[in-house]
PDB file of N, CA and C in Angstrom:
ATOM      1  N   MET A   1      31.514   1.261  49.628  1.00  0.00           N
ATOM      2  CA  MET A   1      31.969  -0.110  49.585  1.00  0.00           C
ATOM      3  C   MET A   1      30.772  -1.048  49.681  1.00  0.00           C
ATOM      4  N   GLU A   2      30.716  -1.991  48.790  1.00  0.00           N
ATOM      5  CA  GLU A   2      29.610  -2.942  48.747  1.00  0.00           C
ATOM      6  C   GLU A   2      29.919  -4.169  49.609  1.00  0.00           C
ATOM      7  N   ARG A   3      28.913  -4.633  50.322  1.00  0.00           N
ATOM      8  CA  ARG A   3      29.056  -5.794  51.206  1.00  0.00           C
ATOM      9  C   ARG A   3      29.524  -7.024  50.426  1.00  0.00           C
ATOM     10  N   ASN A   4      28.911  -7.278  49.278  1.00  0.00           N
ATOM     11  CA  ASN A   4      29.272  -8.457  48.488  1.00  0.00           C
ATOM     12  C   ASN A   4      30.714  -8.408  48.007  1.00  0.00           C
ATOM     13  N   ASP A   5      31.224  -7.209  47.704  1.00  0.00           N
ATOM     14  CA  ASP A   5      32.626  -7.067  47.298  1.00  0.00           C
ATOM     15  C   ASP A   5      33.558  -7.451  48.442  1.00  0.00           C
ATOM     16  N   LEU A   6      33.201  -7.029  49.638  1.00  0.00           N
ATOM     17  CA  LEU A   6      34.008  -7.345  50.813  1.00  0.00           C
ATOM     18  C   LEU A   6      33.991  -8.843  51.097  1.00  0.00           C
ATOM     19  N   ILE A   7      32.823  -9.461  50.974  1.00  0.00           N
ATOM     20  CA  ILE A   7      32.707 -10.911  51.173  1.00  0.00           C
ATOM     21  C   ILE A   7      33.560 -11.645  50.151  1.00  0.00           C
ATOM     22  N   ARG A   8      33.444 -11.243  48.904  1.00  0.00           N
ATOM     23  CA  ARG A   8      34.217 -11.886  47.832  1.00  0.00           C
ATOM     24  C   ARG A   8      35.725 -11.731  48.073  1.00  0.00           C
ATOM     25  N   ASP A   9      36.147 -10.546  48.485  1.00  0.00           N
ATOM     26  CA  ASP A   9      37.559 -10.292  48.751  1.00  0.00           C
ATOM     27  C   ASP A   9      38.066 -11.158  49.901  1.00  0.00           C
ATOM     28  N   MET A  10      37.278 -11.262  50.956  1.00  0.00           N
ATOM     29  CA  MET A  10      37.684 -12.069  52.106  1.00  0.00           C
ATOM     30  C   MET A  10      37.793 -13.548  51.726  1.00  0.00           C
ATOM     31  N   ILE A  11      36.820 -14.057  50.989  1.00  0.00           N
ATOM     32  CA  ILE A  11      36.846 -15.461  50.573  1.00  0.00           C
ATOM     33  C   ILE A  11      38.023 -15.719  49.641  1.00  0.00           C
ATOM     34  N   GLU A  12      38.276 -14.811  48.723  1.00  0.00           N
ATOM     35  CA  GLU A  12      39.409 -14.970  47.816  1.00  0.00           C
ATOM     36  C   GLU A  12      40.730 -15.001  48.578  1.00  0.00           C
ATOM     37  N   TYR A  13      40.871 -14.149  49.567  1.00  0.00           N
ATOM     38  CA  TYR A  13      42.097 -14.126  50.368  1.00  0.00           C
ATOM     39  C   TYR A  13      42.255 -15.438  51.147  1.00  0.00           C
ATOM     40  N   ILE A  14      41.173 -15.914  51.736  1.00  0.00           N
ATOM     41  CA  ILE A  14      41.224 -17.178  52.489  1.00  0.00           C
ATOM     42  C   ILE A  14      41.611 -18.329  51.560  1.00  0.00           C
ATOM     43  N   ASN A  15      40.997 -18.384  50.385  1.00  0.00           N
ATOM     44  CA  ASN A  15      41.270 -19.473  49.439  1.00  0.00           C
ATOM     45  C   ASN A  15      42.666 -19.380  48.842  1.00  0.00           C
ATOM     46  N   SER A  16      43.039 -18.221  48.346  1.00  0.00           N
ATOM     47  CA  SER A  16      44.289 -18.068  47.592  1.00  0.00           C
ATOM     48  C   SER A  16      45.492 -17.807  48.469  1.00  0.00           C
ATOM     49  N   ASP A  17      45.440 -16.752  49.247  1.00  0.00           N
ATOM     50  CA  ASP A  17      46.618 -16.323  50.008  1.00  0.00           C
ATOM     51  C   ASP A  17      46.880 -17.180  51.244  1.00  0.00           C
ATOM     52  N   LEU A  18      45.805 -17.588  51.923  1.00  0.00           N
ATOM     53  CA  LEU A  18      45.990 -18.414  53.114  1.00  0.00           C
ATOM     54  C   LEU A  18      46.005 -19.903  52.796  1.00  0.00           C
ATOM     55  N   GLY A  19      45.578 -20.270  51.590  1.00  0.00           N
ATOM     56  CA  GLY A  19      45.677 -21.664  51.159  1.00  0.00           C
ATOM     57  C   GLY A  19      44.613 -22.594  51.715  1.00  0.00           C
ATOM     58  N   TYR A  20      43.412 -22.087  51.916  1.00  0.00           N
ATOM     59  CA  TYR A  20      42.297 -22.918  52.367  1.00  0.00           C
ATOM     60  C   TYR A  20      41.311 -23.059  51.205  1.00  0.00           C
ATOM     61  N   PRO A  21      41.522 -24.022  50.320  1.00  0.00           N
ATOM     62  CA  PRO A  21      40.683 -24.152  49.124  1.00  0.00           C
ATOM     63  C   PRO A  21      39.353 -24.850  49.411  1.00  0.00           C
ATOM     64  N   VAL A  22      38.534 -24.189  50.203  1.00  0.00           N
ATOM     65  CA  VAL A  22      37.228 -24.754  50.551  1.00  0.00           C
ATOM     66  C   VAL A  22      36.130 -23.839  50.030  1.00  0.00           C
ATOM     67  N   GLU A  23      34.967 -24.409  49.782  1.00  0.00           N
ATOM     68  CA  GLU A  23      33.800 -23.640  49.335  1.00  0.00           C
ATOM     69  C   GLU A  23      33.279 -22.832  50.514  1.00  0.00           C
ATOM     70  N   LEU A  24      33.192 -21.518  50.350  1.00  0.00           N
ATOM     71  CA  LEU A  24      32.769 -20.635  51.426  1.00  0.00           C
ATOM     72  C   LEU A  24      31.666 -19.707  50.959  1.00  0.00           C
ATOM     73  N   ASP A  25      30.872 -19.265  51.913  1.00  0.00           N
ATOM     74  CA  ASP A  25      29.901 -18.210  51.661  1.00  0.00           C
ATOM     75  C   ASP A  25      29.817 -17.355  52.921  1.00  0.00           C
ATOM     76  N   GLU A  26      28.902 -16.406  52.941  1.00  0.00           N
ATOM     77  CA  GLU A  26      28.864 -15.480  54.063  1.00  0.00           C
ATOM     78  C   GLU A  26      28.470 -16.140  55.379  1.00  0.00           C
ATOM     79  N   ALA A  27      27.855 -17.306  55.343  1.00  0.00           N
ATOM     80  CA  ALA A  27      27.465 -18.012  56.566  1.00  0.00           C
ATOM     81  C   ALA A  27      28.596 -18.878  57.125  1.00  0.00           C
ATOM     82  N   SER A  28      29.683 -19.016  56.374  1.00  0.00           N
ATOM     83  CA  SER A  28      30.795 -19.868  56.809  1.00  0.00           C
ATOM     84  C   SER A  28      31.503 -19.278  58.023  1.00  0.00           C
ATOM     85  N   SER A  29      31.815 -20.139  58.970  1.00  0.00           N
ATOM     86  CA  SER A  29      32.564 -19.754  60.171  1.00  0.00           C
ATOM     87  C   SER A  29      34.052 -19.968  59.913  1.00  0.00           C
ATOM     88  N   LEU A  30      34.868 -18.978  60.270  1.00  0.00           N
ATOM     89  CA  LEU A  30      36.310 -19.113  60.047  1.00  0.00           C
ATOM     90  C   LEU A  30      36.911 -20.238  60.874  1.00  0.00           C
ATOM     91  N   SER A  31      36.426 -20.426  62.090  1.00  0.00           N
ATOM     92  CA  SER A  31      37.007 -21.471  62.932  1.00  0.00           C
ATOM     93  C   SER A  31      36.419 -22.842  62.631  1.00  0.00           C
ATOM     94  N   GLU A  32      35.104 -22.937  62.473  1.00  0.00           N
ATOM     95  CA  GLU A  32      34.471 -24.244  62.292  1.00  0.00           C
ATOM     96  C   GLU A  32      34.498 -24.741  60.847  1.00  0.00           C
ATOM     97  N   ASP A  33      34.142 -23.889  59.897  1.00  0.00           N
ATOM     98  CA  ASP A  33      34.041 -24.327  58.500  1.00  0.00           C
ATOM     99  C   ASP A  33      35.381 -24.288  57.767  1.00  0.00           C
ATOM    100  N   VAL A  34      36.184 -23.284  58.090  1.00  0.00           N
ATOM    101  CA  VAL A  34      37.472 -23.132  57.404  1.00  0.00           C
ATOM    102  C   VAL A  34      38.580 -23.821  58.175  1.00  0.00           C
ATOM    103  N   GLY A  35      38.523 -23.757  59.503  1.00  0.00           N
ATOM    104  CA  GLY A  35      39.581 -24.325  60.326  1.00  0.00           C
ATOM    105  C   GLY A  35      40.787 -23.403  60.453  1.00  0.00           C
ATOM    106  N   LEU A  36      40.553 -22.097  60.288  1.00  0.00           N
ATOM    107  CA  LEU A  36      41.630 -21.122  60.397  1.00  0.00           C
ATOM    108  C   LEU A  36      42.255 -21.183  61.788  1.00  0.00           C
ATOM    109  N   ASP A  37      43.575 -21.273  61.836  1.00  0.00           N
ATOM    110  CA  ASP A  37      44.236 -21.196  63.134  1.00  0.00           C
ATOM    111  C   ASP A  37      44.419 -19.731  63.507  1.00  0.00           C
ATOM    112  N   SER A  38      44.879 -19.460  64.708  1.00  0.00           N
ATOM    113  CA  SER A  38      44.954 -18.080  65.195  1.00  0.00           C
ATOM    114  C   SER A  38      45.933 -17.238  64.385  1.00  0.00           C
ATOM    115  N   LEU A  39      47.007 -17.833  63.902  1.00  0.00           N
ATOM    116  CA  LEU A  39      47.976 -17.084  63.095  1.00  0.00           C
ATOM    117  C   LEU A  39      47.360 -16.661  61.762  1.00  0.00           C
ATOM    118  N   ASP A  40      46.662 -17.567  61.098  1.00  0.00           N
ATOM    119  CA  ASP A  40      46.007 -17.231  59.833  1.00  0.00           C
ATOM    120  C   ASP A  40      44.866 -16.232  60.039  1.00  0.00           C
ATOM    121  N   ALA A  41      44.145 -16.356  61.146  1.00  0.00           N
ATOM    122  CA  ALA A  41      43.070 -15.403  61.436  1.00  0.00           C
ATOM    123  C   ALA A  41      43.639 -14.006  61.641  1.00  0.00           C
ATOM    124  N   THR A  42      44.767 -13.925  62.328  1.00  0.00           N
ATOM    125  CA  THR A  42      45.434 -12.637  62.527  1.00  0.00           C
ATOM    126  C   THR A  42      45.918 -12.085  61.200  1.00  0.00           C
ATOM    127  N   ASP A  43      46.449 -12.946  60.348  1.00  0.00           N
ATOM    128  CA  ASP A  43      46.896 -12.528  59.015  1.00  0.00           C
ATOM    129  C   ASP A  43      45.725 -11.988  58.191  1.00  0.00           C
ATOM    130  N   LEU A  44      44.586 -12.661  58.258  1.00  0.00           N
ATOM    131  CA  LEU A  44      43.399 -12.227  57.528  1.00  0.00           C
ATOM    132  C   LEU A  44      42.948 -10.849  57.995  1.00  0.00           C
ATOM    133  N   ILE A  45      42.859 -10.650  59.298  1.00  0.00           N
ATOM    134  CA  ILE A  45      42.380  -9.359  59.787  1.00  0.00           C
ATOM    135  C   ILE A  45      43.396  -8.260  59.492  1.00  0.00           C
ATOM    136  N   SER A  46      44.684  -8.580  59.529  1.00  0.00           N
ATOM    137  CA  SER A  46      45.716  -7.593  59.177  1.00  0.00           C
ATOM    138  C   SER A  46      45.594  -7.186  57.716  1.00  0.00           C
ATOM    139  N   TYR A  47      45.332  -8.152  56.852  1.00  0.00           N
ATOM    140  CA  TYR A  47      45.129  -7.865  55.431  1.00  0.00           C
ATOM    141  C   TYR A  47      43.935  -6.932  55.246  1.00  0.00           C
ATOM    142  N   MET A  48      42.819  -7.256  55.895  1.00  0.00           N
ATOM    143  CA  MET A  48      41.617  -6.438  55.753  1.00  0.00           C
ATOM    144  C   MET A  48      41.847  -5.030  56.309  1.00  0.00           C
ATOM    145  N   GLU A  49      42.566  -4.927  57.425  1.00  0.00           N
ATOM    146  CA  GLU A  49      42.877  -3.610  57.993  1.00  0.00           C
ATOM    147  C   GLU A  49      43.692  -2.768  57.011  1.00  0.00           C
ATOM    148  N   ARG A  50      44.702  -3.375  56.427  1.00  0.00           N
ATOM    149  CA  ARG A  50      45.551  -2.641  55.468  1.00  0.00           C
ATOM    150  C   ARG A  50      44.771  -2.251  54.216  1.00  0.00           C
ATOM    151  N   LYS A  51      44.028  -3.188  53.688  1.00  0.00           N
ATOM    152  CA  LYS A  51      43.327  -2.937  52.427  1.00  0.00           C
ATOM    153  C   LYS A  51      42.227  -1.890  52.577  1.00  0.00           C
ATOM    154  N   TYR A  52      41.501  -1.937  53.688  1.00  0.00           N
ATOM    155  CA  TYR A  52      40.339  -1.063  53.852  1.00  0.00           C
ATOM    156  C   TYR A  52      40.565   0.062  54.867  1.00  0.00           C
ATOM    157  N   ASP A  53      41.775   0.174  55.377  1.00  0.00           N
ATOM    158  CA  ASP A  53      42.190   1.292  56.228  1.00  0.00           C
ATOM    159  C   ASP A  53      41.293   1.484  57.454  1.00  0.00           C
ATOM    160  N   PHE A  54      41.292   0.468  58.306  1.00  0.00           N
ATOM    161  CA  PHE A  54      40.600   0.543  59.589  1.00  0.00           C
ATOM    162  C   PHE A  54      41.417  -0.253  60.597  1.00  0.00           C
ATOM    163  N   LYS A  55      41.049  -0.190  61.860  1.00  0.00           N
ATOM    164  CA  LYS A  55      41.803  -0.876  62.908  1.00  0.00           C
ATOM    165  C   LYS A  55      40.861  -1.694  63.780  1.00  0.00           C
ATOM    166  N   VAL A  56      41.263  -2.929  64.064  1.00  0.00           N
ATOM    167  CA  VAL A  56      40.549  -3.780  65.005  1.00  0.00           C
ATOM    168  C   VAL A  56      41.374  -3.817  66.286  1.00  0.00           C
ATOM    169  N   GLU A  57      40.752  -3.469  67.389  1.00  0.00           N
ATOM    170  CA  GLU A  57      41.431  -3.505  68.678  1.00  0.00           C
ATOM    171  C   GLU A  57      41.554  -4.957  69.152  1.00  0.00           C
ATOM    172  N   ASP A  58      42.562  -5.222  69.957  1.00  0.00           N
ATOM    173  CA  ASP A  58      42.759  -6.581  70.470  1.00  0.00           C
ATOM    174  C   ASP A  58      41.509  -7.109  71.170  1.00  0.00           C
ATOM    175  N   SER A  59      40.806  -6.234  71.877  1.00  0.00           N
ATOM    176  CA  SER A  59      39.600  -6.655  72.600  1.00  0.00           C
ATOM    177  C   SER A  59      38.459  -7.049  71.654  1.00  0.00           C
ATOM    178  N   GLU A  60      38.579  -6.728  70.368  1.00  0.00           N
ATOM    179  CA  GLU A  60      37.538  -7.032  69.390  1.00  0.00           C
ATOM    180  C   GLU A  60      37.850  -8.265  68.545  1.00  0.00           C
ATOM    181  N   LEU A  61      38.972  -8.892  68.764  1.00  0.00           N
ATOM    182  CA  LEU A  61      39.388 -10.009  67.929  1.00  0.00           C
ATOM    183  C   LEU A  61      38.481 -11.236  68.033  1.00  0.00           C
ATOM    184  N   SER A  62      37.622 -11.269  69.018  1.00  0.00           N
ATOM    185  CA  SER A  62      36.688 -12.394  69.123  1.00  0.00           C
ATOM    186  C   SER A  62      35.739 -12.444  67.925  1.00  0.00           C
ATOM    187  N   ILE A  63      35.626 -11.350  67.184  1.00  0.00           N
ATOM    188  CA  ILE A  63      34.792 -11.328  65.975  1.00  0.00           C
ATOM    189  C   ILE A  63      35.247 -12.405  64.988  1.00  0.00           C
ATOM    190  N   LEU A  64      36.514 -12.793  65.064  1.00  0.00           N
ATOM    191  CA  LEU A  64      37.039 -13.796  64.140  1.00  0.00           C
ATOM    192  C   LEU A  64      36.431 -15.182  64.356  1.00  0.00           C
ATOM    193  N   LYS A  65      35.704 -15.362  65.440  1.00  0.00           N
ATOM    194  CA  LYS A  65      35.038 -16.642  65.688  1.00  0.00           C
ATOM    195  C   LYS A  65      33.662 -16.682  65.043  1.00  0.00           C
ATOM    196  N   GLU A  66      33.240 -15.575  64.457  1.00  0.00           N
ATOM    197  CA  GLU A  66      31.914 -15.460  63.857  1.00  0.00           C
ATOM    198  C   GLU A  66      31.957 -15.878  62.385  1.00  0.00           C
ATOM    199  N   SER A  67      30.834 -15.684  61.702  1.00  0.00           N
ATOM    200  CA  SER A  67      30.768 -16.027  60.277  1.00  0.00           C
ATOM    201  C   SER A  67      31.423 -14.936  59.433  1.00  0.00           C
ATOM    202  N   ILE A  68      31.705 -15.264  58.191  1.00  0.00           N
ATOM    203  CA  ILE A  68      32.279 -14.288  57.263  1.00  0.00           C
ATOM    204  C   ILE A  68      31.352 -13.084  57.136  1.00  0.00           C
ATOM    205  N   GLY A  69      30.052 -13.324  57.036  1.00  0.00           N
ATOM    206  CA  GLY A  69      29.091 -12.232  56.941  1.00  0.00           C
ATOM    207  C   GLY A  69      29.114 -11.331  58.166  1.00  0.00           C
ATOM    208  N   ASP A  70      29.232 -11.926  59.360  1.00  0.00           N
ATOM    209  CA  ASP A  70      29.305 -11.129  60.594  1.00  0.00           C
ATOM    210  C   ASP A  70      30.570 -10.278  60.624  1.00  0.00           C
ATOM    211  N   ILE A  71      31.670 -10.848  60.176  1.00  0.00           N
ATOM    212  CA  ILE A  71      32.934 -10.113  60.143  1.00  0.00           C
ATOM    213  C   ILE A  71      32.846  -8.951  59.155  1.00  0.00           C
ATOM    214  N   VAL A  72      32.255  -9.208  57.991  1.00  0.00           N
ATOM    215  CA  VAL A  72      32.086  -8.150  56.988  1.00  0.00           C
ATOM    216  C   VAL A  72      31.183  -7.044  57.531  1.00  0.00           C
ATOM    217  N   ASP A  73      30.104  -7.404  58.222  1.00  0.00           N
ATOM    218  CA  ASP A  73      29.233  -6.388  58.815  1.00  0.00           C
ATOM    219  C   ASP A  73      29.998  -5.557  59.853  1.00  0.00           C
ATOM    220  N   PHE A  74      30.835  -6.218  60.646  1.00  0.00           N
ATOM    221  CA  PHE A  74      31.673  -5.515  61.620  1.00  0.00           C
ATOM    222  C   PHE A  74      32.581  -4.510  60.908  1.00  0.00           C
ATOM    223  N   ILE A  75      33.224  -4.952  59.830  1.00  0.00           N
ATOM    224  CA  ILE A  75      34.129  -4.070  59.078  1.00  0.00           C
ATOM    225  C   ILE A  75      33.360  -2.890  58.489  1.00  0.00           C
ATOM    226  N   LEU A  76      32.214  -3.158  57.889  1.00  0.00           N
ATOM    227  CA  LEU A  76      31.425  -2.077  57.288  1.00  0.00           C
ATOM    228  C   LEU A  76      30.973  -1.067  58.343  1.00  0.00           C
ATOM    229  N   ASN A  77      30.562  -1.549  59.510  1.00  0.00           N
ATOM    230  CA  ASN A  77      30.180  -0.644  60.598  1.00  0.00           C
ATOM    231  C   ASN A  77      31.369   0.176  61.076  1.00  0.00           C
ATOM    232  N   ARG A  78      32.512  -0.469  61.173  1.00  0.00           N
ATOM    233  CA  ARG A  78      33.723   0.241  61.598  1.00  0.00           C
ATOM    234  C   ARG A  78      34.079   1.329  60.584  1.00  0.00           C
ATOM    235  N   LEU A  79      34.035   0.998  59.309  1.00  0.00           N
ATOM    236  CA  LEU A  79      34.347   1.982  58.270  1.00  0.00           C
ATOM    237  C   LEU A  79      33.348   3.140  58.292  1.00  0.00           C
ATOM    238  N   LYS A  80      32.087   2.825  58.496  1.00  0.00           N
ATOM    239  CA  LYS A  80      31.058   3.862  58.565  1.00  0.00           C
ATOM    240  C   LYS A  80      31.304   4.776  59.762  1.00  0.00           C
ATOM    241  N   ASN A  81      31.592   4.190  60.919  1.00  0.00           N
ATOM    242  CA  ASN A  81      31.844   4.982  62.126  1.00  0.00           C
ATOM    243  C   ASN A  81      33.090   5.839  61.980  1.00  0.00           C
ATOM    244  N   GLU A  82      34.143   5.282  61.399  1.00  0.00           N
ATOM    245  CA  GLU A  82      35.373   6.056  61.229  1.00  0.00           C
ATOM    246  C   GLU A  82      35.180   7.194  60.252  1.00  0.00           C
ATOM    247  N   SER A  83      34.391   6.987  59.203  1.00  0.00           N
ATOM    248  CA  SER A  83      34.165   8.071  58.243  1.00  0.00           C
ATOM    249  C   SER A  83      33.299   9.169  58.873  1.00  0.00           C
ATOM    250  N   GLN A  84      32.390   8.814  59.775  1.00  0.00           N
ATOM    251  CA  GLN A  84      31.579   9.805  60.456  1.00  0.00           C
ATOM    252  C   GLN A  84      32.421  10.620  61.437  1.00  0.00           C
ATOM    253  N   ASN A  85      33.417   9.979  62.050  1.00  0.00           N
ATOM    254  CA  ASN A  85      34.293  10.694  62.982  1.00  0.00           C
ATOM    255  C   ASN A  85      35.192  11.680  62.275  1.00  0.00           C
ATOM    256  N   ILE A  86      35.478  11.433  61.009  1.00  0.00           N
ATOM    257  CA  ILE A  86      36.327  12.316  60.225  1.00  0.00           C
ATOM    258  C   ILE A  86      35.560  13.580  59.830  1.00  0.00           C
ATOM    259  N   SER A  87      34.273  13.412  59.558  1.00  0.00           N
ATOM    260  CA  SER A  87      33.444  14.548  59.085  1.00  0.00           C
ATOM    261  C   SER A  87      33.289  15.621  60.123  1.00  0.00           C
TER     262      SER A  87
END
């Protein structure tokens, strides 16, 4: 999985499915730049979990206060760790 693909997918979901038609990049903050409320942030992470088959624990949800790039790095690390646990 490519980092840029994940960033593009997340931005597309925020713009189209969640209805936040703002210009975003990997440095954009979901809370400050987008203004995502907690319900939409939960919806976004649920979408990413389903699409990429990983799980975010409740104690890790603070990641949603970070930038899109930080969230994507978190997801990529989680996917890498989960694939290593399977091997």
